PDB file of N, CA and C in Angstrom:
ATOM      1  N   MET A   1      -6.129   5.855   2.181  1.00  0.00           N
ATOM      2  CA  MET A   1      -7.245   4.998   2.490  1.00  0.00           C
ATOM      3  C   MET A   1      -6.861   3.504   2.269  1.00  0.00           C
ATOM      4  N   PHE A   2      -6.139   3.272   1.155  1.00  0.00           N
ATOM      5  CA  PHE A   2      -5.775   1.916   0.820  1.00  0.00           C
ATOM      6  C   PHE A   2      -4.845   1.334   1.907  1.00  0.00           C
ATOM      7  N   SER A   3      -3.900   2.134   2.352  1.00  0.00           N
ATOM      8  CA  SER A   3      -2.941   1.664   3.385  1.00  0.00           C
ATOM      9  C   SER A   3      -3.682   1.467   4.697  1.00  0.00           C
ATOM     10  N   LEU A   4      -4.593   2.329   5.050  1.00  0.00           N
ATOM     11  CA  LEU A   4      -5.352   2.178   6.281  1.00  0.00           C
ATOM     12  C   LEU A   4      -6.164   0.871   6.237  1.00  0.00           C
ATOM     13  N   PHE A   5      -6.792   0.612   5.108  1.00  0.00           N
ATOM     14  CA  PHE A   5      -7.573  -0.648   4.927  1.00  0.00           C
ATOM     15  C   PHE A   5      -6.650  -1.889   5.096  1.00  0.00           C
ATOM     16  N   ASN A   6      -5.432  -1.845   4.516  1.00  0.00           N
ATOM     17  CA  ASN A   6      -4.520  -2.915   4.660  1.00  0.00           C
ATOM     18  C   ASN A   6      -4.125  -3.145   6.087  1.00  0.00           C
ATOM     19  N   VAL A   7      -3.827  -2.061   6.840  1.00  0.00           N
ATOM     20  CA  VAL A   7      -3.486  -2.179   8.226  1.00  0.00           C
ATOM     21  C   VAL A   7      -4.615  -2.806   9.024  1.00  0.00           C
ATOM     22  N   LEU A   8      -5.857  -2.415   8.741  1.00  0.00           N
ATOM     23  CA  LEU A   8      -6.994  -2.993   9.434  1.00  0.00           C
ATOM     24  C   LEU A   8      -7.148  -4.492   9.125  1.00  0.00           C
ATOM     25  N   ILE A   9      -6.900  -4.889   7.920  1.00  0.00           N
ATOM     26  CA  ILE A   9      -6.924  -6.309   7.548  1.00  0.00           C
ATOM     27  C   ILE A   9      -5.867  -7.090   8.324  1.00  0.00           C
ATOM     28  N   PHE A  10      -4.637  -6.545   8.397  1.00  0.00           N
ATOM     29  CA  PHE A  10      -3.553  -7.253   9.146  1.00  0.00           C
ATOM     30  C   PHE A  10      -3.940  -7.337  10.642  1.00  0.00           C
ATOM     31  N   LEU A  11      -4.536  -6.293  11.264  1.00  0.00           N
ATOM     32  CA  LEU A  11      -4.950  -6.314  12.604  1.00  0.00           C
ATOM     33  C   LEU A  11      -6.075  -7.334  12.823  1.00  0.00           C
ATOM     34  N   ALA A  12      -6.969  -7.419  11.856  1.00  0.00           N
ATOM     35  CA  ALA A  12      -8.067  -8.429  11.940  1.00  0.00           C
ATOM     36  C   ALA A  12      -7.542  -9.826  11.879  1.00  0.00           C
ATOM     37  N   ALA A  13      -6.493 -10.056  11.031  1.00  0.00           N
ATOM     38  CA  ALA A  13      -5.868 -11.403  10.986  1.00  0.00           C
ATOM     39  C   ALA A  13      -5.237 -11.769  12.307  1.00  0.00           C
ATOM     40  N   ILE A  14      -4.561 -10.802  12.920  1.00  0.00           N
ATOM     41  CA  ILE A  14      -3.943 -11.035  14.242  1.00  0.00           C
ATOM     42  C   ILE A  14      -5.019 -11.327  15.271  1.00  0.00           C
ATOM     43  N   ALA A  15      -6.093 -10.557  15.241  1.00  0.00           N
ATOM     44  CA  ALA A  15      -7.170 -10.756  16.207  1.00  0.00           C
ATOM     45  C   ALA A  15      -7.850 -12.102  15.980  1.00  0.00           C
ATOM     46  N   LEU A  16      -8.015 -12.521  14.714  1.00  0.00           N
ATOM     47  CA  LEU A  16      -8.583 -13.820  14.462  1.00  0.00           C
ATOM     48  C   LEU A  16      -7.793 -14.952  15.002  1.00  0.00           C
ATOM     49  N   GLY A  17      -6.431 -14.891  14.814  1.00  0.00           N
ATOM     50  CA  GLY A  17      -5.546 -15.892  15.361  1.00  0.00           C
ATOM     51  C   GLY A  17      -5.653 -15.945  16.888  1.00  0.00           C
ATOM     52  N   SER A  18      -5.707 -14.785  17.518  1.00  0.00           N
ATOM     53  CA  SER A  18      -5.828 -14.700  18.981  1.00  0.00           C
ATOM     54  C   SER A  18      -7.149 -15.257  19.466  1.00  0.00           C
ATOM     55  N   VAL A  19      -8.241 -14.952  18.766  1.00  0.00           N
ATOM     56  CA  VAL A  19      -9.558 -15.451  19.160  1.00  0.00           C
ATOM     57  C   VAL A  19      -9.606 -16.986  19.012  1.00  0.00           C
ATOM     58  N   LEU A  20      -9.042 -17.494  17.931  1.00  0.00           N
ATOM     59  CA  LEU A  20      -9.025 -18.957  17.729  1.00  0.00           C
ATOM     60  C   LEU A  20      -8.244 -19.613  18.830  1.00  0.00           C
ATOM     61  N   ILE A  21      -7.133 -19.044  19.265  1.00  0.00           N
ATOM     62  CA  ILE A  21      -6.348 -19.616  20.367  1.00  0.00           C
ATOM     63  C   ILE A  21      -7.184 -19.579  21.656  1.00  0.00           C
ATOM     64  N   PHE A  22      -7.873 -18.471  21.826  1.00  0.00           N
ATOM     65  CA  PHE A  22      -8.692 -18.272  23.034  1.00  0.00           C
ATOM     66  C   PHE A  22      -9.849 -19.327  23.091  1.00  0.00           C
ATOM     67  N   LEU A  23     -10.363 -19.680  21.961  1.00  0.00           N
ATOM     68  CA  LEU A  23     -11.446 -20.627  21.854  1.00  0.00           C
ATOM     69  C   LEU A  23     -10.972 -22.057  22.063  1.00  0.00           C
ATOM     70  N   GLY A  24      -9.690 -22.255  22.155  1.00  0.00           N
ATOM     71  CA  GLY A  24      -9.182 -23.580  22.461  1.00  0.00           C
ATOM     72  C   GLY A  24      -8.624 -24.336  21.286  1.00  0.00           C
ATOM     73  N   ILE A  25      -8.562 -23.715  20.129  1.00  0.00           N
ATOM     74  CA  ILE A  25      -7.955 -24.358  18.971  1.00  0.00           C
ATOM     75  C   ILE A  25      -6.435 -24.283  19.120  1.00  0.00           C
ATOM     76  N   ASP A  26      -5.799 -25.347  18.685  1.00  0.00           N
ATOM     77  CA  ASP A  26      -4.323 -25.419  18.808  1.00  0.00           C
ATOM     78  C   ASP A  26      -3.668 -24.198  18.191  1.00  0.00           C
ATOM     79  N   SER A  27      -2.649 -23.669  18.854  1.00  0.00           N
ATOM     80  CA  SER A  27      -2.017 -22.436  18.427  1.00  0.00           C
ATOM     81  C   SER A  27      -1.413 -22.547  17.044  1.00  0.00           C
ATOM     82  N   THR A  28      -0.835 -23.665  16.698  1.00  0.00           N
ATOM     83  CA  THR A  28      -0.266 -23.808  15.375  1.00  0.00           C
ATOM     84  C   THR A  28      -1.363 -23.784  14.317  1.00  0.00           C
ATOM     85  N   THR A  29      -2.454 -24.459  14.562  1.00  0.00           N
ATOM     86  CA  THR A  29      -3.590 -24.447  13.620  1.00  0.00           C
ATOM     87  C   THR A  29      -4.178 -23.045  13.486  1.00  0.00           C
ATOM     88  N   SER A  30      -4.287 -22.361  14.611  1.00  0.00           N
ATOM     89  CA  SER A  30      -4.841 -20.950  14.593  1.00  0.00           C
ATOM     90  C   SER A  30      -3.962 -20.051  13.766  1.00  0.00           C
ATOM     91  N   ILE A  31      -2.680 -20.168  13.956  1.00  0.00           N
ATOM     92  CA  ILE A  31      -1.734 -19.289  13.206  1.00  0.00           C
ATOM     93  C   ILE A  31      -1.781 -19.609  11.727  1.00  0.00           C
ATOM     94  N   ARG A  32      -1.896 -20.921  11.417  1.00  0.00           N
ATOM     95  CA  ARG A  32      -1.989 -21.290  10.009  1.00  0.00           C
ATOM     96  C   ARG A  32      -3.237 -20.804   9.354  1.00  0.00           C
ATOM     97  N   ILE A  33      -4.355 -20.829  10.055  1.00  0.00           N
ATOM     98  CA  ILE A  33      -5.583 -20.303   9.513  1.00  0.00           C
ATOM     99  C   ILE A  33      -5.497 -18.776   9.250  1.00  0.00           C
ATOM    100  N   ALA A  34      -5.015 -18.089  10.252  1.00  0.00           N
ATOM    101  CA  ALA A  34      -4.907 -16.619  10.132  1.00  0.00           C
ATOM    102  C   ALA A  34      -3.900 -16.275   9.016  1.00  0.00           C
ATOM    103  N   PHE A  35      -2.791 -16.947   8.991  1.00  0.00           N
ATOM    104  CA  PHE A  35      -1.761 -16.696   8.003  1.00  0.00           C
ATOM    105  C   PHE A  35      -2.249 -17.029   6.588  1.00  0.00           C
ATOM    106  N   GLY A  36      -3.018 -18.123   6.447  1.00  0.00           N
ATOM    107  CA  GLY A  36      -3.565 -18.481   5.126  1.00  0.00           C
ATOM    108  C   GLY A  36      -4.523 -17.488   4.639  1.00  0.00           C
ATOM    109  N   LEU A  37      -5.392 -16.971   5.463  1.00  0.00           N
ATOM    110  CA  LEU A  37      -6.322 -15.922   5.044  1.00  0.00           C
ATOM    111  C   LEU A  37      -5.604 -14.653   4.694  1.00  0.00           C
ATOM    112  N   LEU A  38      -4.565 -14.336   5.447  1.00  0.00           N
ATOM    113  CA  LEU A  38      -3.784 -13.120   5.156  1.00  0.00           C
ATOM    114  C   LEU A  38      -3.058 -13.280   3.820  1.00  0.00           C
ATOM    115  N   CYS A  39      -2.537 -14.453   3.549  1.00  0.00           N
ATOM    116  CA  CYS A  39      -1.871 -14.666   2.246  1.00  0.00           C
ATOM    117  C   CYS A  39      -2.813 -14.558   1.110  1.00  0.00           C
ATOM    118  N   ILE A  40      -4.033 -15.079   1.270  1.00  0.00           N
ATOM    119  CA  ILE A  40      -5.079 -14.929   0.199  1.00  0.00           C
ATOM    120  C   ILE A  40      -5.334 -13.486  -0.035  1.00  0.00           C
ATOM    121  N   TYR A  41      -5.499 -12.729   1.043  1.00  0.00           N
ATOM    122  CA  TYR A  41      -5.767 -11.288   0.896  1.00  0.00           C
ATOM    123  C   TYR A  41      -4.616 -10.582   0.174  1.00  0.00           C
ATOM    124  N   LEU A  42      -3.347 -10.924   0.558  1.00  0.00           N
ATOM    125  CA  LEU A  42      -2.229 -10.284  -0.081  1.00  0.00           C
ATOM    126  C   LEU A  42      -2.172 -10.589  -1.577  1.00  0.00           C
ATOM    127  N   MET A  43      -2.531 -11.788  -1.984  1.00  0.00           N
ATOM    128  CA  MET A  43      -2.527 -12.167  -3.389  1.00  0.00           C
ATOM    129  C   MET A  43      -3.624 -11.377  -4.122  1.00  0.00           C
ATOM    130  N   VAL A  44      -4.746 -11.186  -3.498  1.00  0.00           N
ATOM    131  CA  VAL A  44      -5.844 -10.442  -4.133  1.00  0.00           C
ATOM    132  C   VAL A  44      -5.541  -8.983  -4.218  1.00  0.00           C
ATOM    133  N   SER A  45      -4.871  -8.398  -3.244  1.00  0.00           N
ATOM    134  CA  SER A  45      -4.617  -6.953  -3.183  1.00  0.00           C
ATOM    135  C   SER A  45      -3.282  -6.525  -3.820  1.00  0.00           C
ATOM    136  N   PHE A  46      -2.574  -7.410  -4.384  1.00  0.00           N
ATOM    137  CA  PHE A  46      -1.237  -7.100  -4.950  1.00  0.00           C
ATOM    138  C   PHE A  46      -1.367  -6.166  -6.149  1.00  0.00           C
ATOM    139  N   ILE A  47      -2.240  -6.432  -7.100  1.00  0.00           N
ATOM    140  CA  ILE A  47      -2.377  -5.570  -8.259  1.00  0.00           C
ATOM    141  C   ILE A  47      -2.961  -4.203  -7.872  1.00  0.00           C
ATOM    142  N   PRO A  48      -3.975  -4.149  -7.009  1.00  0.00           N
ATOM    143  CA  PRO A  48      -4.405  -2.818  -6.505  1.00  0.00           C
ATOM    144  C   PRO A  48      -3.275  -2.040  -5.823  1.00  0.00           C
ATOM    145  N   PHE A  49      -2.396  -2.708  -5.120  1.00  0.00           N
ATOM    146  CA  PHE A  49      -1.284  -2.081  -4.474  1.00  0.00           C
ATOM    147  C   PHE A  49      -0.355  -1.449  -5.504  1.00  0.00           C
ATOM    148  N   LEU A  50      -0.084  -2.164  -6.613  1.00  0.00           N
ATOM    149  CA  LEU A  50       0.813  -1.629  -7.659  1.00  0.00           C
ATOM    150  C   LEU A  50       0.107  -0.430  -8.309  1.00  0.00           C
ATOM    151  N   ALA A  51      -1.205  -0.508  -8.524  1.00  0.00           N
ATOM    152  CA  ALA A  51      -1.890   0.618  -9.102  1.00  0.00           C
ATOM    153  C   ALA A  51      -1.870   1.877  -8.222  1.00  0.00           C
ATOM    154  N   VAL A  52      -2.035   1.706  -6.943  1.00  0.00           N
ATOM    155  CA  VAL A  52      -1.940   2.817  -6.014  1.00  0.00           C
ATOM    156  C   VAL A  52      -0.578   3.418  -6.014  1.00  0.00           C
ATOM    157  N   CYS A  53       0.454   2.574  -5.999  1.00  0.00           N
ATOM    158  CA  CYS A  53       1.822   3.074  -6.001  1.00  0.00           C
ATOM    159  C   CYS A  53       2.118   3.790  -7.341  1.00  0.00           C
ATOM    160  N   ALA A  54       1.654   3.243  -8.447  1.00  0.00           N
ATOM    161  CA  ALA A  54       1.861   3.913  -9.765  1.00  0.00           C
ATOM    162  C   ALA A  54       1.259   5.250  -9.791  1.00  0.00           C
ATOM    163  N   ARG A  55       0.006   5.358  -9.251  1.00  0.00           N
ATOM    164  CA  ARG A  55      -0.659   6.648  -9.244  1.00  0.00           C
ATOM    165  C   ARG A  55       0.107   7.641  -8.334  1.00  0.00           C
ATOM    166  N   ARG A  56       0.571   7.139  -7.204  1.00  0.00           N
ATOM    167  CA  ARG A  56       1.304   8.014  -6.329  1.00  0.00           C
ATOM    168  C   ARG A  56       2.641   8.499  -6.971  1.00  0.00           C
ATOM    169  N   TYR A  57       3.305   7.617  -7.696  1.00  0.00           N
ATOM    170  CA  TYR A  57       4.520   8.094  -8.452  1.00  0.00           C
ATOM    171  C   TYR A  57       4.153   9.125  -9.488  1.00  0.00           C
ATOM    172  N   HIS A  58       3.005   8.975 -10.109  1.00  0.00           N
ATOM    173  CA  HIS A  58       2.544   9.949 -11.103  1.00  0.00           C
ATOM    174  C   HIS A  58       2.302  11.315 -10.387  1.00  0.00           C
ATOM    175  N   ASP A  59       1.761  11.303  -9.153  1.00  0.00           N
ATOM    176  CA  ASP A  59       1.613  12.509  -8.373  1.00  0.00           C
ATOM    177  C   ASP A  59       2.956  13.193  -8.169  1.00  0.00           C
ATOM    178  N   LEU A  60       4.032  12.409  -7.998  1.00  0.00           N
ATOM    179  CA  LEU A  60       5.334  12.938  -7.788  1.00  0.00           C
ATOM    180  C   LEU A  60       6.052  13.375  -9.081  1.00  0.00           C
ATOM    181  N   GLY A  61       5.406  13.103 -10.231  1.00  0.00           N
ATOM    182  CA  GLY A  61       6.006  13.460 -11.522  1.00  0.00           C
ATOM    183  C   GLY A  61       6.997  12.433 -11.995  1.00  0.00           C
ATOM    184  N   LYS A  62       6.941  11.237 -11.450  1.00  0.00           N
ATOM    185  CA  LYS A  62       7.859  10.173 -11.812  1.00  0.00           C
ATOM    186  C   LYS A  62       7.103   9.065 -12.565  1.00  0.00           C
ATOM    187  N   SER A  63       7.841   8.242 -13.271  1.00  0.00           N
ATOM    188  CA  SER A  63       7.263   7.113 -14.000  1.00  0.00           C
ATOM    189  C   SER A  63       6.947   5.988 -13.043  1.00  0.00           C
ATOM    190  N   GLU A  64       5.938   5.181 -13.437  1.00  0.00           N
ATOM    191  CA  GLU A  64       5.654   4.017 -12.621  1.00  0.00           C
ATOM    192  C   GLU A  64       6.728   2.937 -12.665  1.00  0.00           C
ATOM    193  N   MET A  65       7.704   3.107 -13.512  1.00  0.00           N
ATOM    194  CA  MET A  65       8.805   2.238 -13.585  1.00  0.00           C
ATOM    195  C   MET A  65       9.690   2.255 -12.314  1.00  0.00           C
ATOM    196  N   TRP A  66       9.491   3.316 -11.505  1.00  0.00           N
ATOM    197  CA  TRP A  66      10.161   3.360 -10.222  1.00  0.00           C
ATOM    198  C   TRP A  66       9.786   2.219  -9.310  1.00  0.00           C
ATOM    199  N   LEU A  67       8.628   1.576  -9.625  1.00  0.00           N
ATOM    200  CA  LEU A  67       8.216   0.451  -8.813  1.00  0.00           C
ATOM    201  C   LEU A  67       9.221  -0.762  -8.918  1.00  0.00           C
ATOM    202  N   LEU A  68      10.020  -0.730  -9.930  1.00  0.00           N
ATOM    203  CA  LEU A  68      11.035  -1.763 -10.072  1.00  0.00           C
ATOM    204  C   LEU A  68      12.068  -1.713  -8.968  1.00  0.00           C
ATOM    205  N   VAL A  69      12.117  -0.648  -8.201  1.00  0.00           N
ATOM    206  CA  VAL A  69      12.998  -0.506  -7.072  1.00  0.00           C
ATOM    207  C   VAL A  69      12.657  -1.579  -6.064  1.00  0.00           C
ATOM    208  N   LEU A  70      11.480  -2.061  -6.073  1.00  0.00           N
ATOM    209  CA  LEU A  70      11.068  -3.112  -5.098  1.00  0.00           C
ATOM    210  C   LEU A  70      11.826  -4.444  -5.313  1.00  0.00           C
ATOM    211  N   LEU A  71      12.492  -4.570  -6.423  1.00  0.00           N
ATOM    212  CA  LEU A  71      13.296  -5.747  -6.676  1.00  0.00           C
ATOM    213  C   LEU A  71      14.540  -5.813  -5.788  1.00  0.00           C
ATOM    214  N   PHE A  72      14.902  -4.669  -5.210  1.00  0.00           N
ATOM    215  CA  PHE A  72      16.035  -4.613  -4.276  1.00  0.00           C
ATOM    216  C   PHE A  72      15.461  -4.690  -2.850  1.00  0.00           C
ATOM    217  N   PRO A  73      15.605  -5.787  -2.132  1.00  0.00           N
ATOM    218  CA  PRO A  73      14.858  -6.050  -0.918  1.00  0.00           C
ATOM    219  C   PRO A  73      14.874  -4.967   0.133  1.00  0.00           C
ATOM    220  N   VAL A  74      15.906  -4.574   0.726  1.00  0.00           N
ATOM    221  CA  VAL A  74      15.909  -3.615   1.832  1.00  0.00           C
ATOM    222  C   VAL A  74      15.864  -2.171   1.330  1.00  0.00           C
ATOM    223  N   ILE A  75      16.756  -1.836   0.394  1.00  0.00           N
ATOM    224  CA  ILE A  75      16.855  -0.492  -0.097  1.00  0.00           C
ATOM    225  C   ILE A  75      15.610  -0.096  -0.869  1.00  0.00           C
ATOM    226  N   GLY A  76      15.067  -1.022  -1.634  1.00  0.00           N
ATOM    227  CA  GLY A  76      13.885  -0.719  -2.444  1.00  0.00           C
ATOM    228  C   GLY A  76      12.665  -0.420  -1.573  1.00  0.00           C
ATOM    229  N   GLY A  77      12.444  -1.189  -0.503  1.00  0.00           N
ATOM    230  CA  GLY A  77      11.327  -0.941   0.352  1.00  0.00           C
ATOM    231  C   GLY A  77      11.448   0.376   1.099  1.00  0.00           C
ATOM    232  N   ALA A  78      12.681   0.701   1.514  1.00  0.00           N
ATOM    233  CA  ALA A  78      12.910   1.953   2.231  1.00  0.00           C
ATOM    234  C   ALA A  78      12.650   3.133   1.294  1.00  0.00           C
ATOM    235  N   LEU A  79      13.149   3.046   0.047  1.00  0.00           N
ATOM    236  CA  LEU A  79      12.944   4.095  -0.963  1.00  0.00           C
ATOM    237  C   LEU A  79      11.496   4.265  -1.258  1.00  0.00           C
ATOM    238  N   LEU A  80      10.765   3.170  -1.347  1.00  0.00           N
ATOM    239  CA  LEU A  80       9.356   3.225  -1.619  1.00  0.00           C
ATOM    240  C   LEU A  80       8.619   3.965  -0.525  1.00  0.00           C
ATOM    241  N   ILE A  81       8.915   3.642   0.727  1.00  0.00           N
ATOM    242  CA  ILE A  81       8.292   4.306   1.879  1.00  0.00           C
ATOM    243  C   ILE A  81       8.609   5.833   1.825  1.00  0.00           C
ATOM    244  N   VAL A  82       9.842   6.180   1.545  1.00  0.00           N
ATOM    245  CA  VAL A  82      10.176   7.589   1.492  1.00  0.00           C
ATOM    246  C   VAL A  82       9.438   8.302   0.359  1.00  0.00           C
ATOM    247  N   ASP A  83       9.369   7.664  -0.809  1.00  0.00           N
ATOM    248  CA  ASP A  83       8.652   8.314  -1.950  1.00  0.00           C
ATOM    249  C   ASP A  83       7.187   8.406  -1.669  1.00  0.00           C
ATOM    250  N   MET A  84       6.588   7.440  -1.036  1.00  0.00           N
ATOM    251  CA  MET A  84       5.181   7.496  -0.768  1.00  0.00           C
ATOM    252  C   MET A  84       4.781   8.523   0.259  1.00  0.00           C
ATOM    253  N   ALA A  85       5.749   8.918   1.105  1.00  0.00           N
ATOM    254  CA  ALA A  85       5.507   9.928   2.158  1.00  0.00           C
ATOM    255  C   ALA A  85       5.726  11.349   1.645  1.00  0.00           C
ATOM    256  N   LYS A  86       6.308  11.536   0.466  1.00  0.00           N
ATOM    257  CA  LYS A  86       6.555  12.867  -0.069  1.00  0.00           C
ATOM    258  C   LYS A  86       5.257  13.484  -0.513  1.00  0.00           C
ATOM    259  N   ASP A  87       5.286  14.817  -0.523  1.00  0.00           N
ATOM    260  CA  ASP A  87       4.130  15.590  -1.061  1.00  0.00           C
ATOM    261  C   ASP A  87       4.249  15.631  -2.599  1.00  0.00           C
ATOM    262  N   GLY A  88       3.133  15.551  -3.257  1.00  0.00           N
ATOM    263  CA  GLY A  88       3.100  15.553  -4.695  1.00  0.00           C
ATOM    264  C   GLY A  88       3.521  16.883  -5.266  1.00  0.00           C
ATOM    265  N   ASP A  89       3.691  16.921  -6.606  1.00  0.00           N
ATOM    266  CA  ASP A  89       3.995  18.132  -7.319  1.00  0.00           C
ATOM    267  C   ASP A  89       2.826  19.142  -7.176  1.00  0.00           C
ATOM    268  N   HIS A  90       3.150  20.373  -6.932  1.00  0.00           N
ATOM    269  CA  HIS A  90       2.126  21.427  -6.977  1.00  0.00           C
ATOM    270  C   HIS A  90       1.886  21.799  -8.431  1.00  0.00           C
ATOM    271  N   GLY A  91       0.671  21.909  -8.793  1.00  0.00           N
ATOM    272  CA  GLY A  91       0.381  22.240 -10.186  1.00  0.00           C
ATOM    273  C   GLY A  91       0.243  20.962 -11.072  1.00  0.00           C
ATOM    274  N   THR A  92       0.524  21.135 -12.288  1.00  0.00           N
ATOM    275  CA  THR A  92       0.404  19.981 -13.197  1.00  0.00           C
ATOM    276  C   THR A  92       1.809  19.447 -13.560  1.00  0.00           C
ATOM    277  N   ASN A  93       1.813  18.233 -13.888  1.00  0.00           N
ATOM    278  CA  ASN A  93       3.027  17.599 -14.429  1.00  0.00           C
ATOM    279  C   ASN A  93       2.613  16.818 -15.701  1.00  0.00           C
ATOM    280  N   LYS A  94       3.486  16.029 -16.240  1.00  0.00           N
ATOM    281  CA  LYS A  94       3.179  15.371 -17.510  1.00  0.00           C
ATOM    282  C   LYS A  94       2.094  14.294 -17.349  1.00  0.00           C
ATOM    283  N   TYR A  95       1.679  13.957 -16.072  1.00  0.00           N
ATOM    284  CA  TYR A  95       0.672  12.992 -15.836  1.00  0.00           C
ATOM    285  C   TYR A  95      -0.671  13.633 -15.506  1.00  0.00           C
ATOM    286  N   GLY A  96      -0.712  14.959 -15.444  1.00  0.00           N
ATOM    287  CA  GLY A  96      -1.980  15.611 -15.210  1.00  0.00           C
ATOM    288  C   GLY A  96      -1.977  16.446 -13.937  1.00  0.00           C
ATOM    289  N   LEU A  97      -3.212  16.807 -13.475  1.00  0.00           N
ATOM    290  CA  LEU A  97      -3.403  17.645 -12.311  1.00  0.00           C
ATOM    291  C   LEU A  97      -3.097  16.860 -11.031  1.00  0.00           C
ATOM    292  N   ASN A  98      -2.649  17.541 -10.019  1.00  0.00           N
ATOM    293  CA  ASN A  98      -2.507  16.948  -8.726  1.00  0.00           C
ATOM    294  C   ASN A  98      -3.870  16.863  -8.039  1.00  0.00           C
ATOM    295  N   PRO A  99      -4.323  15.666  -7.695  1.00  0.00           N
ATOM    296  CA  PRO A  99      -5.673  15.544  -7.078  1.00  0.00           C
ATOM    297  C   PRO A  99      -5.788  16.186  -5.700  1.00  0.00           C
ATOM    298  N   LYS A 100      -4.674  16.404  -5.008  1.00  0.00           N
ATOM    299  CA  LYS A 100      -4.700  16.953  -3.673  1.00  0.00           C
ATOM    300  C   LYS A 100      -4.952  18.498  -3.782  1.00  0.00           C
ATOM    301  N   TYR A 101      -4.528  19.137  -4.812  1.00  0.00           N
ATOM    302  CA  TYR A 101      -4.664  20.554  -4.989  1.00  0.00           C
ATOM    303  C   TYR A 101      -5.363  20.831  -6.365  1.00  0.00           C
ATOM    304  N   PRO A 102      -6.645  20.497  -6.511  1.00  0.00           N
ATOM    305  CA  PRO A 102      -7.276  20.671  -7.839  1.00  0.00           C
ATOM    306  C   PRO A 102      -7.490  22.151  -8.172  1.00  0.00           C
ATOM    307  N   MET A 103      -7.875  22.981  -7.216  1.00  0.00           N
ATOM    308  CA  MET A 103      -8.115  24.354  -7.528  1.00  0.00           C
ATOM    309  C   MET A 103      -6.812  25.108  -7.809  1.00  0.00           C
ATOM    310  N   ASN A 104      -5.828  24.898  -6.977  1.00  0.00           N
ATOM    311  CA  ASN A 104      -4.507  25.539  -7.142  1.00  0.00           C
ATOM    312  C   ASN A 104      -3.848  25.064  -8.400  1.00  0.00           C
ATOM    313  N   SER A 105      -4.043  23.803  -8.769  1.00  0.00           N
ATOM    314  CA  SER A 105      -3.392  23.231  -9.955  1.00  0.00           C
ATOM    315  C   SER A 105      -3.897  23.904 -11.213  1.00  0.00           C
ATOM    316  N   ALA A 106      -5.220  24.152 -11.258  1.00  0.00           N
ATOM    317  CA  ALA A 106      -5.810  24.773 -12.447  1.00  0.00           C
ATOM    318  C   ALA A 106      -5.316  26.199 -12.638  1.00  0.00           C
ATOM    319  N   SER A 107      -5.128  26.925 -11.569  1.00  0.00           N
ATOM    320  CA  SER A 107      -4.754  28.301 -11.670  1.00  0.00           C
ATOM    321  C   SER A 107      -3.233  28.422 -11.960  1.00  0.00           C
ATOM    322  N   ILE A 108      -2.437  27.462 -11.426  1.00  0.00           N
ATOM    323  CA  ILE A 108      -0.996  27.501 -11.619  1.00  0.00           C
ATOM    324  C   ILE A 108      -0.633  27.084 -13.069  1.00  0.00           C
ATOM    325  N   GLY A 109      -1.293  25.972 -13.517  1.00  0.00           N
ATOM    326  CA  GLY A 109      -0.923  25.345 -14.776  1.00  0.00           C
ATOM    327  C   GLY A 109      -1.260  26.198 -15.913  1.00  0.00           C
TER     328      GLY A 109
END
């Protein structure tokens, strides 16, 4: 849900820039307005992004310290995408029950 909301915000920023250009505002100014609003949103949503990623790593049975992989520009982003696409651990791990399989997790654990 969080990622879907982020994609919708990015699409809204693109649409805003296009609408401002259509209304006759200079294209450079329109892009600056849309980009500025998008930057503000990114600053506000950075900590929730880290929280969602940490929770996702806990679903995989890994520590949130794996987020430090983002310090490596290309490889880190690719590894993060691969890890976020994986299915979580079935059953319980040291971080608790898997929220995707709550009934199966209780009976397995």
